[in-house]
Structures are given as structure tokens and as C-alpha cells.
Amino acid sequence: MTFPYVYGDNLSVSIKGQVVDSLSNETVPYATLRISLAETPGQPVKLLACDVDGKFETTLTQAGKYVLSIQSVGKSPAEKEFVIDGNQQQVNLGSSIWPTMPNGWMK
């Protein structure tokens, strides 16, 4: 599957969500987030951190398949894939459901 690349003012998609611990169901403040295109996971297009309530929001300007990587001190890393198809104005990852990780991490 391929996606067209749209640059500049032609595409601006708001990405938002909240990081939640799968064991305690509590938000994870200040978790570090990295967003990369799936075909180049080692080259992030965005780096950001959650706020005190575990919430995050950013803007992406390119259609494609992405990987959101999440890290926090004392937690196992987690990843979630999502797609921007070029027709969306917003992608809400919500309190995204991740499977429980070995050291207890995301929900």
C-alpha cells in the first residue's frame, strides 16, 4: 500500500491522544513520544512529550502509515500504528488501548 505525499499547506492533520497505564488505568505524565513513518522508523518526523495529564497533540503534514513510540521512566516501551490518508483533519488516538506489557504499561 502506498500513500501520496502532500507537503506544505495542502495537508495539516491534528494528532492527539492520552497515554494511560494498563495496570492502574492512570494517566502517564510527561511520557516521551516519537512519531515516525512506518517505512523509516529510525527517522522520527516528530518528537514530543505528554503534559501533566498524559495528553499530547501535534500536527503532521504528510499522508502515510505512522508508528507512535512511547517511553516513560519505569515503564516498558509501547508502539501504536496509525494512518493518515490525506482526507482527515484530525486523528484522535484517544486513551489508546495497548496490550499489557511485561512490566505493566499501556492501556
PDB file of N, CA and C in Angstrom:
ATOM      1  N   MET A   1       0.842  -1.164   0.000  1.00  0.00           N
ATOM      2  CA  MET A   1       0.000   0.000   0.000  1.00  0.00           C
ATOM      3  C   MET A   1       0.891   1.233   0.000  1.00  0.00           C
ATOM      4  N   THR A   2       0.618   2.157  -0.877  1.00  0.00           N
ATOM      5  CA  THR A   2       1.379   3.396  -0.919  1.00  0.00           C
ATOM      6  C   THR A   2       0.460   4.568  -0.643  1.00  0.00           C
ATOM      7  N   PHE A   3       1.039   5.639  -0.158  1.00  0.00           N
ATOM      8  CA  PHE A   3       0.283   6.833   0.155  1.00  0.00           C
ATOM      9  C   PHE A   3       0.917   8.009  -0.559  1.00  0.00           C
ATOM     10  N   PRO A   4       0.095   8.910  -1.062  1.00  0.00           N
ATOM     11  CA  PRO A   4       0.678  10.094  -1.688  1.00  0.00           C
ATOM     12  C   PRO A   4       1.270  10.994  -0.624  1.00  0.00           C
ATOM     13  N   TYR A   5       2.327  11.692  -0.974  1.00  0.00           N
ATOM     14  CA  TYR A   5       2.927  12.647  -0.054  1.00  0.00           C
ATOM     15  C   TYR A   5       2.425  14.030  -0.417  1.00  0.00           C
ATOM     16  N   VAL A   6       1.863  14.703   0.543  1.00  0.00           N
ATOM     17  CA  VAL A   6       1.341  16.039   0.344  1.00  0.00           C
ATOM     18  C   VAL A   6       2.115  16.957   1.268  1.00  0.00           C
ATOM     19  N   TYR A   7       2.719  18.009   0.727  1.00  0.00           N
ATOM     20  CA  TYR A   7       3.574  18.878   1.518  1.00  0.00           C
ATOM     21  C   TYR A   7       2.954  20.253   1.699  1.00  0.00           C
ATOM     22  N   GLY A   8       3.525  20.998   2.619  1.00  0.00           N
ATOM     23  CA  GLY A   8       3.163  22.394   2.821  1.00  0.00           C
ATOM     24  C   GLY A   8       1.778  22.569   3.388  1.00  0.00           C
ATOM     25  N   ASP A   9       1.097  23.618   2.912  1.00  0.00           N
ATOM     26  CA  ASP A   9      -0.203  23.973   3.437  1.00  0.00           C
ATOM     27  C   ASP A   9      -1.324  23.083   2.912  1.00  0.00           C
ATOM     28  N   ASN A  10      -1.019  22.150   2.021  1.00  0.00           N
ATOM     29  CA  ASN A  10      -2.048  21.306   1.444  1.00  0.00           C
ATOM     30  C   ASN A  10      -2.603  20.287   2.428  1.00  0.00           C
ATOM     31  N   LEU A  11      -1.851  19.922   3.448  1.00  0.00           N
ATOM     32  CA  LEU A  11      -2.294  18.928   4.416  1.00  0.00           C
ATOM     33  C   LEU A  11      -1.810  19.332   5.799  1.00  0.00           C
ATOM     34  N   SER A  12      -2.731  19.360   6.740  1.00  0.00           N
ATOM     35  CA  SER A  12      -2.393  19.635   8.129  1.00  0.00           C
ATOM     36  C   SER A  12      -3.354  18.827   8.983  1.00  0.00           C
ATOM     37  N   VAL A  13      -2.848  17.765   9.580  1.00  0.00           N
ATOM     38  CA  VAL A  13      -3.685  16.851  10.349  1.00  0.00           C
ATOM     39  C   VAL A  13      -3.276  16.909  11.816  1.00  0.00           C
ATOM     40  N   SER A  14      -4.235  17.195  12.677  1.00  0.00           N
ATOM     41  CA  SER A  14      -4.004  17.235  14.120  1.00  0.00           C
ATOM     42  C   SER A  14      -4.043  15.810  14.672  1.00  0.00           C
ATOM     43  N   ILE A  15      -3.011  15.443  15.413  1.00  0.00           N
ATOM     44  CA  ILE A  15      -2.913  14.127  16.049  1.00  0.00           C
ATOM     45  C   ILE A  15      -2.978  14.364  17.551  1.00  0.00           C
ATOM     46  N   LYS A  16      -3.903  13.675  18.231  1.00  0.00           N
ATOM     47  CA  LYS A  16      -3.971  13.848  19.683  1.00  0.00           C
ATOM     48  C   LYS A  16      -4.357  12.551  20.358  1.00  0.00           C
ATOM     49  N   GLY A  17      -4.076  12.490  21.659  1.00  0.00           N
ATOM     50  CA  GLY A  17      -4.400  11.306  22.439  1.00  0.00           C
ATOM     51  C   GLY A  17      -3.956  11.475  23.876  1.00  0.00           C
ATOM     52  N   GLN A  18      -3.988  10.368  24.604  1.00  0.00           N
ATOM     53  CA  GLN A  18      -3.607  10.369  26.010  1.00  0.00           C
ATOM     54  C   GLN A  18      -2.962   9.034  26.347  1.00  0.00           C
ATOM     55  N   VAL A  19      -1.862   9.070  27.095  1.00  0.00           N
ATOM     56  CA  VAL A  19      -1.155   7.866  27.495  1.00  0.00           C
ATOM     57  C   VAL A  19      -1.687   7.431  28.860  1.00  0.00           C
ATOM     58  N   VAL A  20      -2.094   6.144  28.942  1.00  0.00           N
ATOM     59  CA  VAL A  20      -2.706   5.592  30.151  1.00  0.00           C
ATOM     60  C   VAL A  20      -2.018   4.280  30.518  1.00  0.00           C
ATOM     61  N   ASP A  21      -1.696   4.088  31.783  1.00  0.00           N
ATOM     62  CA  ASP A  21      -1.089   2.853  32.287  1.00  0.00           C
ATOM     63  C   ASP A  21      -2.128   1.740  32.284  1.00  0.00           C
ATOM     64  N   SER A  22      -1.789   0.591  31.715  1.00  0.00           N
ATOM     65  CA  SER A  22      -2.751  -0.508  31.573  1.00  0.00           C
ATOM     66  C   SER A  22      -3.083  -1.192  32.893  1.00  0.00           C
ATOM     67  N   LEU A  23      -2.207  -1.133  33.873  1.00  0.00           N
ATOM     68  CA  LEU A  23      -2.478  -1.798  35.144  1.00  0.00           C
ATOM     69  C   LEU A  23      -3.270  -0.921  36.104  1.00  0.00           C
ATOM     70  N   SER A  24      -2.878   0.334  36.215  1.00  0.00           N
ATOM     71  CA  SER A  24      -3.534   1.223  37.182  1.00  0.00           C
ATOM     72  C   SER A  24      -4.648   2.052  36.555  1.00  0.00           C
ATOM     73  N   ASN A  25      -4.709   2.100  35.223  1.00  0.00           N
ATOM     74  CA  ASN A  25      -5.652   2.925  34.485  1.00  0.00           C
ATOM     75  C   ASN A  25      -5.448   4.414  34.762  1.00  0.00           C
ATOM     76  N   GLU A  26      -4.251   4.779  35.232  1.00  0.00           N
ATOM     77  CA  GLU A  26      -3.920   6.175  35.490  1.00  0.00           C
ATOM     78  C   GLU A  26      -3.156   6.740  34.298  1.00  0.00           C
ATOM     79  N   THR A  27      -3.296   8.041  34.093  1.00  0.00           N
ATOM     80  CA  THR A  27      -2.558   8.682  33.018  1.00  0.00           C
ATOM     81  C   THR A  27      -1.070   8.691  33.351  1.00  0.00           C
ATOM     82  N   VAL A  28      -0.247   8.785  32.308  1.00  0.00           N
ATOM     83  CA  VAL A  28       1.207   8.788  32.460  1.00  0.00           C
ATOM     84  C   VAL A  28       1.724  10.174  32.071  1.00  0.00           C
ATOM     85  N   PRO A  29       2.041  11.007  33.055  1.00  0.00           N
ATOM     86  CA  PRO A  29       2.507  12.355  32.734  1.00  0.00           C
ATOM     87  C   PRO A  29       3.912  12.347  32.136  1.00  0.00           C
ATOM     88  N   TYR A  30       4.131  13.276  31.228  1.00  0.00           N
ATOM     89  CA  TYR A  30       5.446  13.558  30.649  1.00  0.00           C
ATOM     90  C   TYR A  30       6.090  12.379  29.910  1.00  0.00           C
ATOM     91  N   ALA A  31       5.282  11.422  29.434  1.00  0.00           N
ATOM     92  CA  ALA A  31       5.829  10.344  28.608  1.00  0.00           C
ATOM     93  C   ALA A  31       6.426  10.958  27.340  1.00  0.00           C
ATOM     94  N   THR A  32       7.494  10.353  26.841  1.00  0.00           N
ATOM     95  CA  THR A  32       8.163  10.824  25.631  1.00  0.00           C
ATOM     96  C   THR A  32       7.588  10.096  24.420  1.00  0.00           C
ATOM     97  N   LEU A  33       7.262  10.846  23.375  1.00  0.00           N
ATOM     98  CA  LEU A  33       6.653  10.281  22.180  1.00  0.00           C
ATOM     99  C   LEU A  33       7.527  10.552  20.959  1.00  0.00           C
ATOM    100  N   ARG A  34       7.583   9.561  20.082  1.00  0.00           N
ATOM    101  CA  ARG A  34       8.300   9.701  18.817  1.00  0.00           C
ATOM    102  C   ARG A  34       7.364   9.218  17.714  1.00  0.00           C
ATOM    103  N   ILE A  35       7.145  10.037  16.710  1.00  0.00           N
ATOM    104  CA  ILE A  35       6.304   9.660  15.573  1.00  0.00           C
ATOM    105  C   ILE A  35       7.205   9.525  14.356  1.00  0.00           C
ATOM    106  N   SER A  36       7.137   8.352  13.709  1.00  0.00           N
ATOM    107  CA  SER A  36       7.951   8.063  12.529  1.00  0.00           C
ATOM    108  C   SER A  36       7.070   7.484  11.439  1.00  0.00           C
ATOM    109  N   LEU A  37       7.477   7.673  10.195  1.00  0.00           N
ATOM    110  CA  LEU A  37       6.837   6.939   9.115  1.00  0.00           C
ATOM    111  C   LEU A  37       7.196   5.468   9.271  1.00  0.00           C
ATOM    112  N   ALA A  38       6.248   4.581   9.007  1.00  0.00           N
ATOM    113  CA  ALA A  38       6.463   3.148   9.225  1.00  0.00           C
ATOM    114  C   ALA A  38       7.640   2.606   8.416  1.00  0.00           C
ATOM    115  N   GLU A  39       7.869   3.149   7.207  1.00  0.00           N
ATOM    116  CA  GLU A  39       8.969   2.623   6.387  1.00  0.00           C
ATOM    117  C   GLU A  39      10.332   3.125   6.824  1.00  0.00           C
ATOM    118  N   THR A  40      10.368   4.153   7.683  1.00  0.00           N
ATOM    119  CA  THR A  40      11.646   4.669   8.199  1.00  0.00           C
ATOM    120  C   THR A  40      11.525   4.912   9.704  1.00  0.00           C
ATOM    121  N   PRO A  41      11.356   3.846  10.495  1.00  0.00           N
ATOM    122  CA  PRO A  41      11.113   4.013  11.932  1.00  0.00           C
ATOM    123  C   PRO A  41      12.266   4.647  12.701  1.00  0.00           C
ATOM    124  N   GLY A  42      13.474   4.601  12.179  1.00  0.00           N
ATOM    125  CA  GLY A  42      14.622   5.197  12.857  1.00  0.00           C
ATOM    126  C   GLY A  42      14.782   6.687  12.601  1.00  0.00           C
ATOM    127  N   GLN A  43      13.893   7.257  11.788  1.00  0.00           N
ATOM    128  CA  GLN A  43      13.971   8.677  11.454  1.00  0.00           C
ATOM    129  C   GLN A  43      12.668   9.367  11.863  1.00  0.00           C
ATOM    130  N   PRO A  44      12.565   9.808  13.103  1.00  0.00           N
ATOM    131  CA  PRO A  44      11.312  10.425  13.554  1.00  0.00           C
ATOM    132  C   PRO A  44      10.993  11.717  12.812  1.00  0.00           C
ATOM    133  N   VAL A  45       9.707  11.923  12.568  1.00  0.00           N
ATOM    134  CA  VAL A  45       9.252  13.180  11.969  1.00  0.00           C
ATOM    135  C   VAL A  45       8.784  14.148  13.050  1.00  0.00           C
ATOM    136  N   LYS A  46       8.488  13.633  14.252  1.00  0.00           N
ATOM    137  CA  LYS A  46       8.087  14.463  15.392  1.00  0.00           C
ATOM    138  C   LYS A  46       8.582  13.830  16.683  1.00  0.00           C
ATOM    139  N   LEU A  47       9.064  14.680  17.578  1.00  0.00           N
ATOM    140  CA  LEU A  47       9.422  14.279  18.940  1.00  0.00           C
ATOM    141  C   LEU A  47       8.651  15.211  19.873  1.00  0.00           C
ATOM    142  N   LEU A  48       7.994  14.641  20.873  1.00  0.00           N
ATOM    143  CA  LEU A  48       7.232  15.467  21.801  1.00  0.00           C
ATOM    144  C   LEU A  48       7.050  14.743  23.123  1.00  0.00           C
ATOM    145  N   ALA A  49       6.462  15.442  24.083  1.00  0.00           N
ATOM    146  CA  ALA A  49       6.201  14.865  25.402  1.00  0.00           C
ATOM    147  C   ALA A  49       4.754  15.148  25.785  1.00  0.00           C
ATOM    148  N   CYS A  50       4.197  14.244  26.575  1.00  0.00           N
ATOM    149  CA  CYS A  50       2.846  14.438  27.102  1.00  0.00           C
ATOM    150  C   CYS A  50       2.859  15.538  28.159  1.00  0.00           C
ATOM    151  N   ASP A  51       1.686  16.081  28.435  1.00  0.00           N
ATOM    152  CA  ASP A  51       1.577  17.056  29.514  1.00  0.00           C
ATOM    153  C   ASP A  51       1.379  16.331  30.848  1.00  0.00           C
ATOM    154  N   VAL A  52       1.073  17.060  31.891  1.00  0.00           N
ATOM    155  CA  VAL A  52       0.918  16.501  33.233  1.00  0.00           C
ATOM    156  C   VAL A  52      -0.229  15.484  33.314  1.00  0.00           C
ATOM    157  N   ASP A  53      -1.203  15.575  32.399  1.00  0.00           N
ATOM    158  CA  ASP A  53      -2.338  14.648  32.372  1.00  0.00           C
ATOM    159  C   ASP A  53      -2.146  13.515  31.368  1.00  0.00           C
ATOM    160  N   GLY A  54      -0.941  13.380  30.812  1.00  0.00           N
ATOM    161  CA  GLY A  54      -0.672  12.325  29.843  1.00  0.00           C
ATOM    162  C   GLY A  54      -1.198  12.625  28.454  1.00  0.00           C
ATOM    163  N   LYS A  55      -1.683  13.835  28.220  1.00  0.00           N
ATOM    164  CA  LYS A  55      -2.248  14.199  26.921  1.00  0.00           C
ATOM    165  C   LYS A  55      -1.168  14.745  25.989  1.00  0.00           C
ATOM    166  N   PHE A  56      -1.393  14.539  24.695  1.00  0.00           N
ATOM    167  CA  PHE A  56      -0.485  15.068  23.689  1.00  0.00           C
ATOM    168  C   PHE A  56      -1.274  15.510  22.475  1.00  0.00           C
ATOM    169  N   GLU A  57      -0.681  16.456  21.739  1.00  0.00           N
ATOM    170  CA  GLU A  57      -1.262  16.922  20.482  1.00  0.00           C
ATOM    171  C   GLU A  57      -0.150  17.501  19.621  1.00  0.00           C
ATOM    172  N   THR A  58      -0.190  17.173  18.346  1.00  0.00           N
ATOM    173  CA  THR A  58       0.779  17.691  17.387  1.00  0.00           C
ATOM    174  C   THR A  58       0.130  17.721  16.017  1.00  0.00           C
ATOM    175  N   THR A  59       0.830  18.229  15.033  1.00  0.00           N
ATOM    176  CA  THR A  59       0.321  18.309  13.668  1.00  0.00           C
ATOM    177  C   THR A  59       1.295  17.610  12.721  1.00  0.00           C
ATOM    178  N   LEU A  60       0.724  16.831  11.795  1.00  0.00           N
ATOM    179  CA  LEU A  60       1.520  16.195  10.749  1.00  0.00           C
ATOM    180  C   LEU A  60       1.059  16.735   9.400  1.00  0.00           C
ATOM    181  N   THR A  61       1.980  16.820   8.454  1.00  0.00           N
ATOM    182  CA  THR A  61       1.676  17.434   7.162  1.00  0.00           C
ATOM    183  C   THR A  61       1.900  16.492   5.985  1.00  0.00           C
ATOM    184  N   GLN A  62       1.931  15.201   6.257  1.00  0.00           N
ATOM    185  CA  GLN A  62       2.226  14.221   5.212  1.00  0.00           C
ATOM    186  C   GLN A  62       1.347  12.999   5.408  1.00  0.00           C
ATOM    187  N   ALA A  63       0.712  12.529   4.346  1.00  0.00           N
ATOM    188  CA  ALA A  63      -0.069  11.295   4.409  1.00  0.00           C
ATOM    189  C   ALA A  63       0.875  10.105   4.523  1.00  0.00           C
ATOM    190  N   GLY A  64       0.411   9.027   5.138  1.00  0.00           N
ATOM    191  CA  GLY A  64       1.217   7.817   5.231  1.00  0.00           C
ATOM    192  C   GLY A  64       0.857   6.978   6.431  1.00  0.00           C
ATOM    193  N   LYS A  65       1.578   5.886   6.583  1.00  0.00           N
ATOM    194  CA  LYS A  65       1.423   4.990   7.725  1.00  0.00           C
ATOM    195  C   LYS A  65       2.501   5.358   8.743  1.00  0.00           C
ATOM    196  N   TYR A  66       2.085   5.602   9.989  1.00  0.00           N
ATOM    197  CA  TYR A  66       2.991   6.078  11.032  1.00  0.00           C
ATOM    198  C   TYR A  66       3.071   5.098  12.192  1.00  0.00           C
ATOM    199  N   VAL A  67       4.160   5.234  12.953  1.00  0.00           N
ATOM    200  CA  VAL A  67       4.338   4.488  14.193  1.00  0.00           C
ATOM    201  C   VAL A  67       4.549   5.504  15.310  1.00  0.00           C
ATOM    202  N   LEU A  68       3.719   5.413  16.344  1.00  0.00           N
ATOM    203  CA  LEU A  68       3.867   6.231  17.545  1.00  0.00           C
ATOM    204  C   LEU A  68       4.585   5.382  18.586  1.00  0.00           C
ATOM    205  N   SER A  69       5.779   5.799  18.990  1.00  0.00           N
ATOM    206  CA  SER A  69       6.561   5.081  20.009  1.00  0.00           C
ATOM    207  C   SER A  69       6.485   5.872  21.304  1.00  0.00           C
ATOM    208  N   ILE A  70       6.217   5.177  22.403  1.00  0.00           N
ATOM    209  CA  ILE A  70       6.000   5.819  23.697  1.00  0.00           C
ATOM    210  C   ILE A  70       6.974   5.248  24.714  1.00  0.00           C
ATOM    211  N   GLN A  71       7.621   6.147  25.466  1.00  0.00           N
ATOM    212  CA  GLN A  71       8.532   5.720  26.533  1.00  0.00           C
ATOM    213  C   GLN A  71       8.301   6.579  27.767  1.00  0.00           C
ATOM    214  N   SER A  72       8.517   5.970  28.929  1.00  0.00           N
ATOM    215  CA  SER A  72       8.441   6.691  30.193  1.00  0.00           C
ATOM    216  C   SER A  72       9.309   5.948  31.205  1.00  0.00           C
ATOM    217  N   VAL A  73       9.919   6.683  32.104  1.00  0.00           N
ATOM    218  CA  VAL A  73      10.795   6.101  33.114  1.00  0.00           C
ATOM    219  C   VAL A  73      10.015   5.046  33.920  1.00  0.00           C
ATOM    220  N   GLY A  74      10.596   3.858  34.057  1.00  0.00           N
ATOM    221  CA  GLY A  74       9.986   2.789  34.836  1.00  0.00           C
ATOM    222  C   GLY A  74       8.922   2.002  34.097  1.00  0.00           C
ATOM    223  N   LYS A  75       8.720   2.278  32.827  1.00  0.00           N
ATOM    224  CA  LYS A  75       7.700   1.592  32.036  1.00  0.00           C
ATOM    225  C   LYS A  75       8.347   0.917  30.831  1.00  0.00           C
ATOM    226  N   SER A  76       7.722  -0.159  30.365  1.00  0.00           N
ATOM    227  CA  SER A  76       8.169  -0.792  29.124  1.00  0.00           C
ATOM    228  C   SER A  76       7.723   0.068  27.950  1.00  0.00           C
ATOM    229  N   PRO A  77       8.541   0.182  26.908  1.00  0.00           N
ATOM    230  CA  PRO A  77       8.137   0.962  25.733  1.00  0.00           C
ATOM    231  C   PRO A  77       6.908   0.351  25.061  1.00  0.00           C
ATOM    232  N   ALA A  78       6.151   1.180  24.362  1.00  0.00           N
ATOM    233  CA  ALA A  78       4.973   0.716  23.630  1.00  0.00           C
ATOM    234  C   ALA A  78       4.931   1.413  22.281  1.00  0.00           C
ATOM    235  N   GLU A  79       4.243   0.787  21.316  1.00  0.00           N
ATOM    236  CA  GLU A  79       4.088   1.370  19.985  1.00  0.00           C
ATOM    237  C   GLU A  79       2.659   1.198  19.517  1.00  0.00           C
ATOM    238  N   LYS A  80       2.225   2.130  18.675  1.00  0.00           N
ATOM    239  CA  LYS A  80       0.909   2.058  18.059  1.00  0.00           C
ATOM    240  C   LYS A  80       1.034   2.586  16.636  1.00  0.00           C
ATOM    241  N   GLU A  81       0.444   1.868  15.685  1.00  0.00           N
ATOM    242  CA  GLU A  81       0.437   2.316  14.300  1.00  0.00           C
ATOM    243  C   GLU A  81      -0.855   3.065  14.011  1.00  0.00           C
ATOM    244  N   PHE A  82      -0.761   4.062  13.131  1.00  0.00           N
ATOM    245  CA  PHE A  82      -1.941   4.766  12.656  1.00  0.00           C
ATOM    246  C   PHE A  82      -1.672   5.266  11.244  1.00  0.00           C
ATOM    247  N   VAL A  83      -2.743   5.602  10.529  1.00  0.00           N
ATOM    248  CA  VAL A  83      -2.641   6.006   9.126  1.00  0.00           C
ATOM    249  C   VAL A  83      -3.285   7.370   8.939  1.00  0.00           C
ATOM    250  N   ILE A  84      -2.610   8.201   8.156  1.00  0.00           N
ATOM    251  CA  ILE A  84      -3.183   9.446   7.671  1.00  0.00           C
ATOM    252  C   ILE A  84      -3.396   9.255   6.179  1.00  0.00           C
ATOM    253  N   ASP A  85      -4.648   9.355   5.738  1.00  0.00           N
ATOM    254  CA  ASP A  85      -4.941   9.092   4.329  1.00  0.00           C
ATOM    255  C   ASP A  85      -5.035  10.343   3.470  1.00  0.00           C
ATOM    256  N   GLY A  86      -4.891  11.509   4.080  1.00  0.00           N
ATOM    257  CA  GLY A  86      -4.939  12.747   3.313  1.00  0.00           C
ATOM    258  C   GLY A  86      -6.303  13.400   3.306  1.00  0.00           C
ATOM    259  N   ASN A  87      -7.345  12.676   3.754  1.00  0.00           N
ATOM    260  CA  ASN A  87      -8.702  13.225   3.797  1.00  0.00           C
ATOM    261  C   ASN A  87      -9.114  13.644   5.202  1.00  0.00           C
ATOM    262  N   GLN A  88      -8.275  13.384   6.181  1.00  0.00           N
ATOM    263  CA  GLN A  88      -8.613  13.679   7.567  1.00  0.00           C
ATOM    264  C   GLN A  88      -8.101  15.055   7.970  1.00  0.00           C
ATOM    265  N   GLN A  89      -8.798  15.683   8.910  1.00  0.00           N
ATOM    266  CA  GLN A  89      -8.308  16.906   9.526  1.00  0.00           C
ATOM    267  C   GLN A  89      -7.779  16.618  10.918  1.00  0.00           C
ATOM    268  N   GLN A  90      -8.229  15.483  11.494  1.00  0.00           N
ATOM    269  CA  GLN A  90      -7.823  15.139  12.852  1.00  0.00           C
ATOM    270  C   GLN A  90      -7.798  13.627  13.016  1.00  0.00           C
ATOM    271  N   VAL A  91      -6.796  13.134  13.745  1.00  0.00           N
ATOM    272  CA  VAL A  91      -6.732  11.731  14.144  1.00  0.00           C
ATOM    273  C   VAL A  91      -6.685  11.730  15.662  1.00  0.00           C
ATOM    274  N   ASN A  92      -7.731  11.187  16.282  1.00  0.00           N
ATOM    275  CA  ASN A  92      -7.784  11.124  17.739  1.00  0.00           C
ATOM    276  C   ASN A  92      -7.443   9.701  18.155  1.00  0.00           C
ATOM    277  N   LEU A  93      -6.264   9.537  18.732  1.00  0.00           N
ATOM    278  CA  LEU A  93      -5.837   8.219  19.198  1.00  0.00           C
ATOM    279  C   LEU A  93      -6.462   7.892  20.549  1.00  0.00           C
ATOM    280  N   GLY A  94      -7.174   8.844  21.136  1.00  0.00           N
ATOM    281  CA  GLY A  94      -7.889   8.642  22.398  1.00  0.00           C
ATOM    282  C   GLY A  94      -6.977   8.161  23.503  1.00  0.00           C
ATOM    283  N   SER A  95      -7.571   7.528  24.487  1.00  0.00           N
ATOM    284  CA  SER A  95      -6.797   6.818  25.504  1.00  0.00           C
ATOM    285  C   SER A  95      -6.530   5.457  24.897  1.00  0.00           C
ATOM    286  N   SER A  96      -5.658   5.445  23.921  1.00  0.00           N
ATOM    287  CA  SER A  96      -5.441   4.296  23.061  1.00  0.00           C
ATOM    288  C   SER A  96      -5.228   3.017  23.853  1.00  0.00           C
ATOM    289  N   ILE A  97      -5.766   1.921  23.342  1.00  0.00           N
ATOM    290  CA  ILE A  97      -5.683   0.643  24.026  1.00  0.00           C
ATOM    291  C   ILE A  97      -4.460  -0.107  23.526  1.00  0.00           C
ATOM    292  N   TRP A  98      -3.524  -0.282  24.404  1.00  0.00           N
ATOM    293  CA  TRP A  98      -2.347  -1.084  24.121  1.00  0.00           C
ATOM    294  C   TRP A  98      -2.436  -2.344  24.964  1.00  0.00           C
ATOM    295  N   PRO A  99      -1.926  -3.457  24.477  1.00  0.00           N
ATOM    296  CA  PRO A  99      -1.898  -4.657  25.326  1.00  0.00           C
ATOM    297  C   PRO A  99      -0.976  -4.438  26.521  1.00  0.00           C
ATOM    298  N   THR A 100      -1.259  -5.119  27.606  1.00  0.00           N
ATOM    299  CA  THR A 100      -0.412  -5.008  28.784  1.00  0.00           C
ATOM    300  C   THR A 100       0.974  -5.528  28.451  1.00  0.00           C
ATOM    301  N   MET A 101       1.962  -4.741  28.791  1.00  0.00           N
ATOM    302  CA  MET A 101       3.346  -5.106  28.519  1.00  0.00           C
ATOM    303  C   MET A 101       3.909  -5.844  29.736  1.00  0.00           C
ATOM    304  N   PRO A 102       5.026  -6.537  29.589  1.00  0.00           N
ATOM    305  CA  PRO A 102       5.578  -7.337  30.681  1.00  0.00           C
ATOM    306  C   PRO A 102       5.756  -6.585  31.992  1.00  0.00           C
ATOM    307  N   ASN A 103       6.188  -5.337  31.947  1.00  0.00           N
ATOM    308  CA  ASN A 103       6.380  -4.580  33.176  1.00  0.00           C
ATOM    309  C   ASN A 103       5.203  -3.686  33.504  1.00  0.00           C
ATOM    310  N   GLY A 104       4.070  -3.938  32.877  1.00  0.00           N
ATOM    311  CA  GLY A 104       2.868  -3.162  33.119  1.00  0.00           C
ATOM    312  C   GLY A 104       2.951  -1.779  32.513  1.00  0.00           C
ATOM    313  N   TRP A 105       2.278  -1.547  31.396  1.00  0.00           N
ATOM    314  CA  TRP A 105       2.476  -0.266  30.741  1.00  0.00           C
ATOM    315  C   TRP A 105       1.202   0.360  30.268  1.00  0.00           C
ATOM    316  N   MET A 106       0.746   0.052  29.100  1.00  0.00           N
ATOM    317  CA  MET A 106      -0.247   0.885  28.447  1.00  0.00           C
ATOM    318  C   MET A 106      -1.607   0.256  28.361  1.00  0.00           C
ATOM    319  N   LYS A 107      -2.590   1.117  28.297  1.00  0.00           N
ATOM    320  CA  LYS A 107      -3.950   0.697  28.001  1.00  0.00           C
ATOM    321  C   LYS A 107      -4.528   1.684  27.037  1.00  0.00           C
TER     322      LYS A 107
END
